[in-house]
C-alpha atoms as a PDB file:
ATOM      1  CA  MET A   1     -62.023-139.990 106.887  1.00  0.00           C
ATOM      2  CA  MET A   2     -61.119-136.954 109.010  1.00  0.00           C
ATOM      3  CA  MET A   3     -60.877-134.817 105.728  1.00  0.00           C
ATOM      4  CA  ILE A   4     -64.007-134.973 105.114  1.00  0.00           C
ATOM      5  CA  GLU A   5     -65.495-134.579 108.470  1.00  0.00           C
ATOM      6  CA  ASP A   6     -63.003-131.301 109.200  1.00  0.00           C
ATOM      7  CA  PHE A   7     -64.420-130.324 105.746  1.00  0.00           C
ATOM      8  CA  LYS A   8     -68.099-131.152 107.157  1.00  0.00           C
ATOM      9  CA  LYS A   9     -67.142-129.343 109.931  1.00  0.00           C
ATOM     10  CA  ASP A  10     -66.022-126.746 108.375  1.00  0.00           C
ATOM     11  CA  VAL A  11     -68.631-126.815 105.526  1.00  0.00           C
ATOM     12  CA  ASN A  12     -70.983-126.137 108.463  1.00  0.00           C
ATOM     13  CA  SER A  13     -69.361-123.762 111.083  1.00  0.00           C
ATOM     14  CA  SER A  14     -69.093-121.115 107.593  1.00  0.00           C
ATOM     15  CA  PHE A  15     -72.730-122.265 106.490  1.00  0.00           C
ATOM     16  CA  ILE A  16     -73.670-120.970 110.772  1.00  0.00           C
ATOM     17  CA  GLU A  17     -71.852-117.911 110.429  1.00  0.00           C
ATOM     18  CA  ILE A  18     -73.084-116.625 106.808  1.00  0.00           C
ATOM     19  CA  GLN A  19     -76.980-117.443 108.653  1.00  0.00           C
ATOM     20  CA  GLU A  20     -75.663-115.224 111.593  1.00  0.00           C
ATOM     21  CA  ASN A  21     -74.779-112.832 109.445  1.00  0.00           C
ATOM     22  CA  THR A  22     -77.597-112.433 107.366  1.00  0.00           C
ATOM     23  CA  GLY A  23     -79.672-112.298 110.509  1.00  0.00           C
ATOM     24  CA  LYS A  24     -78.000-109.158 111.373  1.00  0.00           C
ATOM     25  CA  GLN A  25     -77.947-107.789 107.557  1.00  0.00           C
ATOM     26  CA  VAL A  26     -81.683-108.482 107.505  1.00  0.00           C
ATOM     27  CA  GLU A  27     -82.002-106.557 111.152  1.00  0.00           C
ATOM     28  CA  ALA A  28     -79.407-103.712 110.314  1.00  0.00           C
ATOM     29  CA  PHE A  29     -81.872-102.899 107.133  1.00  0.00           C
ATOM     30  CA  LYS A  30     -84.928-103.550 108.772  1.00  0.00           C
ATOM     31  CA  GLU A  31     -84.347-100.854 110.930  1.00  0.00           C
ATOM     32  CA  GLU A  32     -82.769 -98.401 108.364  1.00  0.00           C
ATOM     33  CA  THR A  33     -86.263 -99.573 106.606  1.00  0.00           C
ATOM     34  CA  GLN A  34     -88.171 -98.030 109.555  1.00  0.00           C
ATOM     35  CA  THR A  35     -86.160 -94.670 109.948  1.00  0.00           C
ATOM     36  CA  PHE A  36     -86.365 -94.068 106.566  1.00  0.00           C
ATOM     37  CA  LEU A  37     -90.042 -94.856 106.872  1.00  0.00           C
ATOM     38  CA  LYS A  38     -90.223 -92.728 109.749  1.00  0.00           C
ATOM     39  CA  GLU A  39     -88.574 -89.795 108.335  1.00  0.00           C
ATOM     40  CA  LEU A  40     -90.795 -89.923 105.252  1.00  0.00           C
ATOM     41  CA  GLN A  41     -93.836 -89.562 106.750  1.00  0.00           C
ATOM     42  CA  GLU A  42     -92.329 -86.873 109.142  1.00  0.00           C
ATOM     43  CA  ASN A  43     -91.632 -85.134 106.193  1.00  0.00           C
ATOM     44  CA  ILE A  44     -95.318 -85.635 104.743  1.00  0.00           C
ATOM     45  CA  THR A  45     -96.543 -84.345 107.562  1.00  0.00           C
ATOM     46  CA  LYS A  46     -95.020 -81.362 107.939  1.00  0.00           C
ATOM     47  CA  GLN A  47     -95.652 -80.104 103.936  1.00  0.00           C
ATOM     48  CA  GLU A  48     -99.197 -81.362 104.556  1.00  0.00           C
ATOM     49  CA  LYS A  49     -99.146 -78.518 107.383  1.00  0.00           C
ATOM     50  CA  GLU A  50     -97.529 -76.427 105.332  1.00  0.00           C
ATOM     51  CA  LEU A  51     -99.918 -76.869 102.287  1.00  0.00           C
ATOM     52  CA  ASN A  52    -103.194 -76.595 104.835  1.00  0.00           C
ATOM     53  CA  LYS A  53    -101.641 -73.301 105.886  1.00  0.00           C
ATOM     54  CA  THR A  54    -101.043 -71.660 102.092  1.00  0.00           C
ATOM     55  CA  ILE A  55    -104.518 -72.576 101.562  1.00  0.00           C
ATOM     56  CA  GLN A  56    -106.377 -71.176 104.519  1.00  0.00           C
ATOM     57  CA  ASN A  57    -104.043 -67.546 103.518  1.00  0.00           C
ATOM     58  CA  LEU A  58    -105.453 -68.031  99.782  1.00  0.00           C
ATOM     59  CA  LYS A  59    -108.804 -68.129 101.625  1.00  0.00           C
ATOM     60  CA  VAL A  60    -108.136 -65.103 103.557  1.00  0.00           C
ATOM     61  CA  GLU A  61    -107.473 -63.686 100.606  1.00  0.00           C
ATOM     62  CA  ILE A  62    -110.421 -64.804  98.474  1.00  0.00           C
ATOM     63  CA  GLU A  63    -112.496 -63.464  99.878  1.00  0.00           C
ATOM     64  CA  THR A  64    -110.661 -60.230 101.436  1.00  0.00           C
ATOM     65  CA  ILE A  65    -111.149 -59.654  97.609  1.00  0.00           C
ATOM     66  CA  ARG A  66    -114.574 -60.366  97.137  1.00  0.00           C
ATOM     67  CA  LYS A  67    -115.146 -57.779  99.102  1.00  0.00           C
ATOM     68  CA  PRO A  68    -116.786 -54.732  98.277  1.00  0.00           C
END
């Protein structure tokens, strides 16, 4: 009977450890995802600014070419 109780304790302990490790992994993944999304947003914003600057420069060139 004692062996069954010990086995139950071991299984329960393992289950708790698995839950804790899974929670830690989920948190780590969540942080990595948030960091990735933040970097992605920063890159998109930077590219948008560069594109807008290029568009503005092209507009100026077009106006310069159109002037008689």
